[in-house]
Amino acid sequence: MTPDSPVRRVRRRATLRHLVVAPALAVALLATTGGVASAQTWRHDDAVRDVRSGDFDSEWGTLSPQRKAGDVTRTTVSHTRSRLVVRIAMRAVPSGSSFVMATVRTPRTSYDVTRFRMAGIGTTVVLEKTNGAGGELRCRGLSARVRGKALELSVPRRCIGKPAWVRVAAGVVVLQGEDAVHVDDALRRGVGRDLRLSPRVRRG
């Protein structure tokens, strides 16, 4: 992937816009949400029909309850001895240009795992360190798979420092045309200034 590729341009623009439709009033940065947790698994049922539509200059966007693609219904985080798997179930998995992202906070650092799908280019999965020096990381075994109406992001624990626990956030952005976007934060109704983090999910 070259520095000026369409994938990088989309990622950069979306990051700068806080997932495109950040509200005018700030909310708590990466606030914790409720859910069901065990030693290695955490689940959260998201509100349905809460996709927000706008463009890269929108603040609030417009509620689009009719949109099924990218409308998250449940997020499941599985933290095992070998892998971290984030399963994002939706009313429909986007088939066109889109990206599905998970932010992973560990005791030492933070990462983004993103599955990009771009029309005419294809699909790629990227792992990035997002604090300190930052940058894209090589990670053998990194994957993203569609299973029915869900997309699973799977990261070997060795690629993220084998943490004792993680906190995870997730979101979906569906692209339409040059500037139209449809966004859902997987852990809250609608969207906020930043993706909301889960509680700590310890290694099983």
C-alpha atoms as a PDB file:
ATOM      1  CA  MET A   1       0.000   0.000   0.000  1.00  0.00           C
ATOM      2  CA  THR A   2       1.707   3.240  -1.121  1.00  0.00           C
ATOM      3  CA  PRO A   3       1.706   6.428   1.013  1.00  0.00           C
ATOM      4  CA  ASP A   4      -0.692   8.136  -1.435  1.00  0.00           C
ATOM      5  CA  SER A   5      -3.021   5.197  -1.999  1.00  0.00           C
ATOM      6  CA  PRO A   6      -6.824   5.745  -1.809  1.00  0.00           C
ATOM      7  CA  VAL A   7      -6.924   3.542   1.287  1.00  0.00           C
ATOM      8  CA  ARG A   8      -4.506   5.824   3.147  1.00  0.00           C
ATOM      9  CA  ARG A   9      -6.330   8.956   2.003  1.00  0.00           C
ATOM     10  CA  VAL A  10      -9.661   7.617   3.244  1.00  0.00           C
ATOM     11  CA  ARG A  11      -8.139   6.520   6.558  1.00  0.00           C
ATOM     12  CA  ARG A  12      -6.463   9.870   7.116  1.00  0.00           C
ATOM     13  CA  ARG A  13      -9.609  11.877   6.363  1.00  0.00           C
ATOM     14  CA  ALA A  14     -11.808   9.694   8.545  1.00  0.00           C
ATOM     15  CA  THR A  15      -9.349   9.830  11.454  1.00  0.00           C
ATOM     16  CA  LEU A  16      -9.178  13.615  11.290  1.00  0.00           C
ATOM     17  CA  ARG A  17     -12.964  13.813  11.348  1.00  0.00           C
ATOM     18  CA  HIS A  18     -13.342  11.460  14.356  1.00  0.00           C
ATOM     19  CA  LEU A  19     -15.305   8.956  12.321  1.00  0.00           C
ATOM     20  CA  VAL A  20     -16.848  11.756  10.290  1.00  0.00           C
ATOM     21  CA  VAL A  21     -19.850  12.772  12.366  1.00  0.00           C
ATOM     22  CA  ALA A  22     -18.488  13.901  15.736  1.00  0.00           C
ATOM     23  CA  PRO A  23     -21.071  15.777  17.822  1.00  0.00           C
ATOM     24  CA  ALA A  24     -20.668  19.455  18.597  1.00  0.00           C
ATOM     25  CA  LEU A  25     -20.511  18.864  22.346  1.00  0.00           C
ATOM     26  CA  ALA A  26     -17.590  16.756  23.530  1.00  0.00           C
ATOM     27  CA  VAL A  27     -18.303  13.551  25.400  1.00  0.00           C
ATOM     28  CA  ALA A  28     -15.937  11.729  27.739  1.00  0.00           C
ATOM     29  CA  LEU A  29     -12.916  10.523  25.804  1.00  0.00           C
ATOM     30  CA  LEU A  30     -13.157   6.784  25.176  1.00  0.00           C
ATOM     31  CA  ALA A  31     -15.674   6.256  27.982  1.00  0.00           C
ATOM     32  CA  THR A  32     -16.370   2.776  29.328  1.00  0.00           C
ATOM     33  CA  THR A  33     -19.586   1.078  28.333  1.00  0.00           C
ATOM     34  CA  GLY A  34     -21.528  -1.686  30.030  1.00  0.00           C
ATOM     35  CA  GLY A  35     -21.837  -5.251  28.819  1.00  0.00           C
ATOM     36  CA  VAL A  36     -21.344  -8.864  29.798  1.00  0.00           C
ATOM     37  CA  ALA A  37     -17.779  -9.926  30.660  1.00  0.00           C
ATOM     38  CA  SER A  38     -16.054 -13.123  31.730  1.00  0.00           C
ATOM     39  CA  ALA A  39     -12.387 -14.077  32.079  1.00  0.00           C
ATOM     40  CA  GLN A  40     -11.933 -14.013  28.316  1.00  0.00           C
ATOM     41  CA  THR A  41     -15.133 -12.882  26.607  1.00  0.00           C
ATOM     42  CA  TRP A  42     -17.117  -9.636  26.564  1.00  0.00           C
ATOM     43  CA  ARG A  43     -20.334  -8.939  24.674  1.00  0.00           C
ATOM     44  CA  HIS A  44     -22.303  -5.804  23.951  1.00  0.00           C
ATOM     45  CA  ASP A  45     -25.677  -5.489  22.195  1.00  0.00           C
ATOM     46  CA  ASP A  46     -25.765  -2.270  20.191  1.00  0.00           C
ATOM     47  CA  ALA A  47     -28.833  -0.216  19.380  1.00  0.00           C
ATOM     48  CA  VAL A  48     -30.168  -0.985  15.895  1.00  0.00           C
ATOM     49  CA  ARG A  49     -31.214   1.519  13.220  1.00  0.00           C
ATOM     50  CA  ASP A  50     -28.757   4.081  14.610  1.00  0.00           C
ATOM     51  CA  VAL A  51     -26.470   4.628  11.594  1.00  0.00           C
ATOM     52  CA  ARG A  52     -25.597   8.289  11.038  1.00  0.00           C
ATOM     53  CA  SER A  53     -25.140   9.604   7.488  1.00  0.00           C
ATOM     54  CA  GLY A  54     -23.233  12.699   6.437  1.00  0.00           C
ATOM     55  CA  ASP A  55     -20.030  13.769   4.725  1.00  0.00           C
ATOM     56  CA  PHE A  56     -16.465  14.493   5.778  1.00  0.00           C
ATOM     57  CA  ASP A  57     -17.482  17.974   6.953  1.00  0.00           C
ATOM     58  CA  SER A  58     -20.532  16.943   8.977  1.00  0.00           C
ATOM     59  CA  GLU A  59     -20.734  17.336  12.731  1.00  0.00           C
ATOM     60  CA  TRP A  60     -23.904  15.496  13.664  1.00  0.00           C
ATOM     61  CA  GLY A  61     -24.960  13.802  10.461  1.00  0.00           C
ATOM     62  CA  THR A  62     -28.484  12.521   9.928  1.00  0.00           C
ATOM     63  CA  LEU A  63     -30.032   9.427  11.465  1.00  0.00           C
ATOM     64  CA  SER A  64     -30.544   6.790   8.728  1.00  0.00           C
ATOM     65  CA  PRO A  65     -32.626   3.979  10.274  1.00  0.00           C
ATOM     66  CA  GLN A  66     -33.287   2.424   6.864  1.00  0.00           C
ATOM     67  CA  ARG A  67     -29.599   1.596   6.291  1.00  0.00           C
ATOM     68  CA  LYS A  68     -28.737  -2.016   7.047  1.00  0.00           C
ATOM     69  CA  ALA A  69     -25.126  -2.166   5.800  1.00  0.00           C
ATOM     70  CA  GLY A  70     -22.831  -1.344   8.698  1.00  0.00           C
ATOM     71  CA  ASP A  71     -25.603  -1.138  11.307  1.00  0.00           C
ATOM     72  CA  VAL A  72     -23.975  -2.958  14.234  1.00  0.00           C
ATOM     73  CA  THR A  73     -26.151  -5.219  16.385  1.00  0.00           C
ATOM     74  CA  ARG A  74     -23.618  -6.956  18.661  1.00  0.00           C
ATOM     75  CA  THR A  75     -19.898  -6.900  19.395  1.00  0.00           C
ATOM     76  CA  THR A  76     -18.092  -9.837  20.978  1.00  0.00           C
ATOM     77  CA  VAL A  77     -14.489  -9.684  22.180  1.00  0.00           C
ATOM     78  CA  SER A  78     -12.713 -13.014  22.754  1.00  0.00           C
ATOM     79  CA  HIS A  79      -9.305 -12.809  24.444  1.00  0.00           C
ATOM     80  CA  THR A  80      -7.608 -16.207  24.433  1.00  0.00           C
ATOM     81  CA  ARG A  81      -4.044 -17.366  25.024  1.00  0.00           C
ATOM     82  CA  SER A  82      -3.167 -17.061  21.341  1.00  0.00           C
ATOM     83  CA  ARG A  83      -5.552 -14.542  19.786  1.00  0.00           C
ATOM     84  CA  LEU A  84      -7.741 -11.517  20.225  1.00  0.00           C
ATOM     85  CA  VAL A  85     -10.894 -11.810  18.125  1.00  0.00           C
ATOM     86  CA  VAL A  86     -13.370  -8.956  17.718  1.00  0.00           C
ATOM     87  CA  ARG A  87     -16.629 -10.118  16.144  1.00  0.00           C
ATOM     88  CA  ILE A  88     -18.876  -7.323  14.882  1.00  0.00           C
ATOM     89  CA  ALA A  89     -22.369  -8.481  13.930  1.00  0.00           C
ATOM     90  CA  MET A  90     -24.451  -6.203  11.691  1.00  0.00           C
ATOM     91  CA  ARG A  91     -27.847  -6.123  10.042  1.00  0.00           C
ATOM     92  CA  ALA A  92     -25.812  -6.497   6.837  1.00  0.00           C
ATOM     93  CA  VAL A  93     -22.039  -6.595   6.263  1.00  0.00           C
ATOM     94  CA  PRO A  94     -21.049  -3.848   3.781  1.00  0.00           C
ATOM     95  CA  SER A  95     -20.264  -5.247   0.337  1.00  0.00           C
ATOM     96  CA  GLY A  96     -18.952  -1.999  -1.159  1.00  0.00           C
ATOM     97  CA  SER A  97     -16.297   0.500  -0.105  1.00  0.00           C
ATOM     98  CA  SER A  98     -16.059   0.563   3.683  1.00  0.00           C
ATOM     99  CA  PHE A  99     -13.844   0.057   6.641  1.00  0.00           C
ATOM    100  CA  VAL A 100     -14.423  -1.801   9.887  1.00  0.00           C
ATOM    101  CA  MET A 101     -12.154  -0.769  12.729  1.00  0.00           C
ATOM    102  CA  ALA A 102     -11.269  -1.957  16.218  1.00  0.00           C
ATOM    103  CA  THR A 103      -9.177   0.086  18.634  1.00  0.00           C
ATOM    104  CA  VAL A 104      -7.277  -2.083  21.119  1.00  0.00           C
ATOM    105  CA  ARG A 105      -6.004  -0.530  24.346  1.00  0.00           C
ATOM    106  CA  THR A 106      -3.469  -2.617  26.338  1.00  0.00           C
ATOM    107  CA  PRO A 107      -1.679  -1.836  29.621  1.00  0.00           C
ATOM    108  CA  ARG A 108       1.247  -0.408  27.637  1.00  0.00           C
ATOM    109  CA  THR A 109       0.003   0.899  24.308  1.00  0.00           C
ATOM    110  CA  SER A 110      -2.824   1.215  21.794  1.00  0.00           C
ATOM    111  CA  TYR A 111      -3.467  -0.269  18.358  1.00  0.00           C
ATOM    112  CA  ASP A 112      -5.940   0.052  15.508  1.00  0.00           C
ATOM    113  CA  VAL A 113      -6.987  -3.009  13.519  1.00  0.00           C
ATOM    114  CA  THR A 114      -8.791  -2.022  10.326  1.00  0.00           C
ATOM    115  CA  ARG A 115     -10.316  -3.967   7.457  1.00  0.00           C
ATOM    116  CA  PHE A 116     -10.445  -1.766   4.354  1.00  0.00           C
ATOM    117  CA  ARG A 117     -12.587  -2.668   1.371  1.00  0.00           C
ATOM    118  CA  MET A 118     -12.283  -0.327  -1.606  1.00  0.00           C
ATOM    119  CA  ALA A 119     -14.146  -0.710  -4.884  1.00  0.00           C
ATOM    120  CA  GLY A 120     -11.714  -1.423  -7.708  1.00  0.00           C
ATOM    121  CA  ILE A 121      -8.827  -1.987  -5.297  1.00  0.00           C
ATOM    122  CA  GLY A 122      -9.758  -4.911  -3.092  1.00  0.00           C
ATOM    123  CA  THR A 123      -9.630  -5.712   0.609  1.00  0.00           C
ATOM    124  CA  THR A 124      -6.763  -5.369   3.057  1.00  0.00           C
ATOM    125  CA  VAL A 125      -6.296  -5.651   6.820  1.00  0.00           C
ATOM    126  CA  VAL A 126      -3.913  -3.327   8.662  1.00  0.00           C
ATOM    127  CA  LEU A 127      -2.523  -3.295  12.206  1.00  0.00           C
ATOM    128  CA  GLU A 128      -1.167   0.040  13.432  1.00  0.00           C
ATOM    129  CA  LYS A 129       0.374   1.193  16.683  1.00  0.00           C
ATOM    130  CA  THR A 130      -1.319   4.487  17.511  1.00  0.00           C
ATOM    131  CA  ASN A 131       0.807   5.941  20.304  1.00  0.00           C
ATOM    132  CA  GLY A 132       4.523   6.569  20.773  1.00  0.00           C
ATOM    133  CA  ALA A 133       6.373   6.275  17.478  1.00  0.00           C
ATOM    134  CA  GLY A 134       3.280   4.678  15.951  1.00  0.00           C
ATOM    135  CA  GLY A 135       3.066   3.254  12.471  1.00  0.00           C
ATOM    136  CA  GLU A 136       1.921   0.176  10.583  1.00  0.00           C
ATOM    137  CA  LEU A 137       3.084  -3.187  11.955  1.00  0.00           C
ATOM    138  CA  ARG A 138       3.789  -6.480  10.254  1.00  0.00           C
ATOM    139  CA  CYS A 139       1.701  -9.235  11.804  1.00  0.00           C
ATOM    140  CA  ARG A 140       1.668 -12.740  10.432  1.00  0.00           C
ATOM    141  CA  GLY A 141      -1.749 -14.288  11.034  1.00  0.00           C
ATOM    142  CA  LEU A 142      -3.688 -11.020  11.097  1.00  0.00           C
ATOM    143  CA  SER A 143      -7.042 -11.600   9.402  1.00  0.00           C
ATOM    144  CA  ALA A 144     -10.573 -10.364   8.747  1.00  0.00           C
ATOM    145  CA  ARG A 145     -13.318 -12.800   7.770  1.00  0.00           C
ATOM    146  CA  VAL A 146     -16.986 -12.400   6.990  1.00  0.00           C
ATOM    147  CA  ARG A 147     -19.098 -15.046   8.712  1.00  0.00           C
ATOM    148  CA  GLY A 148     -22.766 -14.665   7.852  1.00  0.00           C
ATOM    149  CA  LYS A 149     -23.837 -11.221   9.019  1.00  0.00           C
ATOM    150  CA  ALA A 150     -20.689 -10.632  11.056  1.00  0.00           C
ATOM    151  CA  LEU A 151     -17.107  -9.604  10.408  1.00  0.00           C
ATOM    152  CA  GLU A 152     -14.334 -11.023  12.585  1.00  0.00           C
ATOM    153  CA  LEU A 153     -11.053  -9.189  13.125  1.00  0.00           C
ATOM    154  CA  SER A 154      -8.448 -11.616  14.461  1.00  0.00           C
ATOM    155  CA  VAL A 155      -5.057 -10.560  15.854  1.00  0.00           C
ATOM    156  CA  PRO A 156      -2.351 -12.884  17.227  1.00  0.00           C
ATOM    157  CA  ARG A 157      -1.576 -11.778  20.806  1.00  0.00           C
ATOM    158  CA  ARG A 158       2.162 -11.785  20.047  1.00  0.00           C
ATOM    159  CA  CYS A 159       1.555  -8.850  17.660  1.00  0.00           C
ATOM    160  CA  ILE A 160       0.148  -6.688  20.483  1.00  0.00           C
ATOM    161  CA  GLY A 161       2.612  -7.616  23.221  1.00  0.00           C
ATOM    162  CA  LYS A 162       0.697 -10.511  24.808  1.00  0.00           C
ATOM    163  CA  PRO A 163      -1.247  -8.231  27.166  1.00  0.00           C
ATOM    164  CA  ALA A 164      -2.879  -9.402  30.382  1.00  0.00           C
ATOM    165  CA  TRP A 165      -5.998  -7.455  29.429  1.00  0.00           C
ATOM    166  CA  VAL A 166      -7.402  -5.335  26.617  1.00  0.00           C
ATOM    167  CA  ARG A 167     -10.088  -2.714  26.195  1.00  0.00           C
ATOM    168  CA  VAL A 168     -11.688  -2.630  22.763  1.00  0.00           C
ATOM    169  CA  ALA A 169     -13.682  -0.119  20.729  1.00  0.00           C
ATOM    170  CA  ALA A 170     -15.177  -0.733  17.300  1.00  0.00           C
ATOM    171  CA  GLY A 171     -16.863   1.163  14.492  1.00  0.00           C
ATOM    172  CA  VAL A 172     -18.020   0.827  10.888  1.00  0.00           C
ATOM    173  CA  VAL A 173     -17.812   3.417   8.099  1.00  0.00           C
ATOM    174  CA  VAL A 174     -19.530   2.803   4.743  1.00  0.00           C
ATOM    175  CA  LEU A 175     -18.405   5.071   1.900  1.00  0.00           C
ATOM    176  CA  GLN A 176     -20.720   6.252  -0.856  1.00  0.00           C
ATOM    177  CA  GLY A 177     -19.451   8.295  -3.784  1.00  0.00           C
ATOM    178  CA  GLU A 178     -16.741  10.875  -3.154  1.00  0.00           C
ATOM    179  CA  ASP A 179     -17.812  12.252   0.230  1.00  0.00           C
ATOM    180  CA  ALA A 180     -20.968  10.570   1.550  1.00  0.00           C
ATOM    181  CA  VAL A 181     -20.412   8.334   4.585  1.00  0.00           C
ATOM    182  CA  HIS A 182     -22.570   6.191   6.862  1.00  0.00           C
ATOM    183  CA  VAL A 183     -21.182   5.542  10.359  1.00  0.00           C
ATOM    184  CA  ASP A 184     -21.975   3.458  13.441  1.00  0.00           C
ATOM    185  CA  ASP A 185     -20.112   3.192  16.741  1.00  0.00           C
ATOM    186  CA  ALA A 186     -20.455  -0.442  17.773  1.00  0.00           C
ATOM    187  CA  LEU A 187     -20.654   0.320  21.507  1.00  0.00           C
ATOM    188  CA  ARG A 188     -23.124   3.198  21.681  1.00  0.00           C
ATOM    189  CA  ARG A 189     -26.289   4.517  20.089  1.00  0.00           C
ATOM    190  CA  GLY A 190     -25.227   6.535  17.060  1.00  0.00           C
ATOM    191  CA  VAL A 191     -21.771   8.081  17.277  1.00  0.00           C
ATOM    192  CA  GLY A 192     -19.642  10.211  19.584  1.00  0.00           C
ATOM    193  CA  ARG A 193     -16.464  12.234  19.388  1.00  0.00           C
ATOM    194  CA  ASP A 194     -14.404   9.044  19.856  1.00  0.00           C
ATOM    195  CA  LEU A 195     -15.175   5.362  19.757  1.00  0.00           C
ATOM    196  CA  ARG A 196     -16.327   4.078  23.145  1.00  0.00           C
ATOM    197  CA  LEU A 197     -14.133   1.494  24.886  1.00  0.00           C
ATOM    198  CA  SER A 198     -15.213  -1.740  26.529  1.00  0.00           C
ATOM    199  CA  PRO A 199     -14.271  -2.703  30.083  1.00  0.00           C
ATOM    200  CA  ARG A 200     -11.058  -4.668  30.528  1.00  0.00           C
ATOM    201  CA  VAL A 201     -11.239  -8.144  29.006  1.00  0.00           C
ATOM    202  CA  ARG A 202      -8.608 -10.389  30.576  1.00  0.00           C
ATOM    203  CA  ARG A 203      -6.803 -13.221  28.860  1.00  0.00           C
ATOM    204  CA  GLY A 204      -8.572 -16.545  29.199  1.00  0.00           C
END
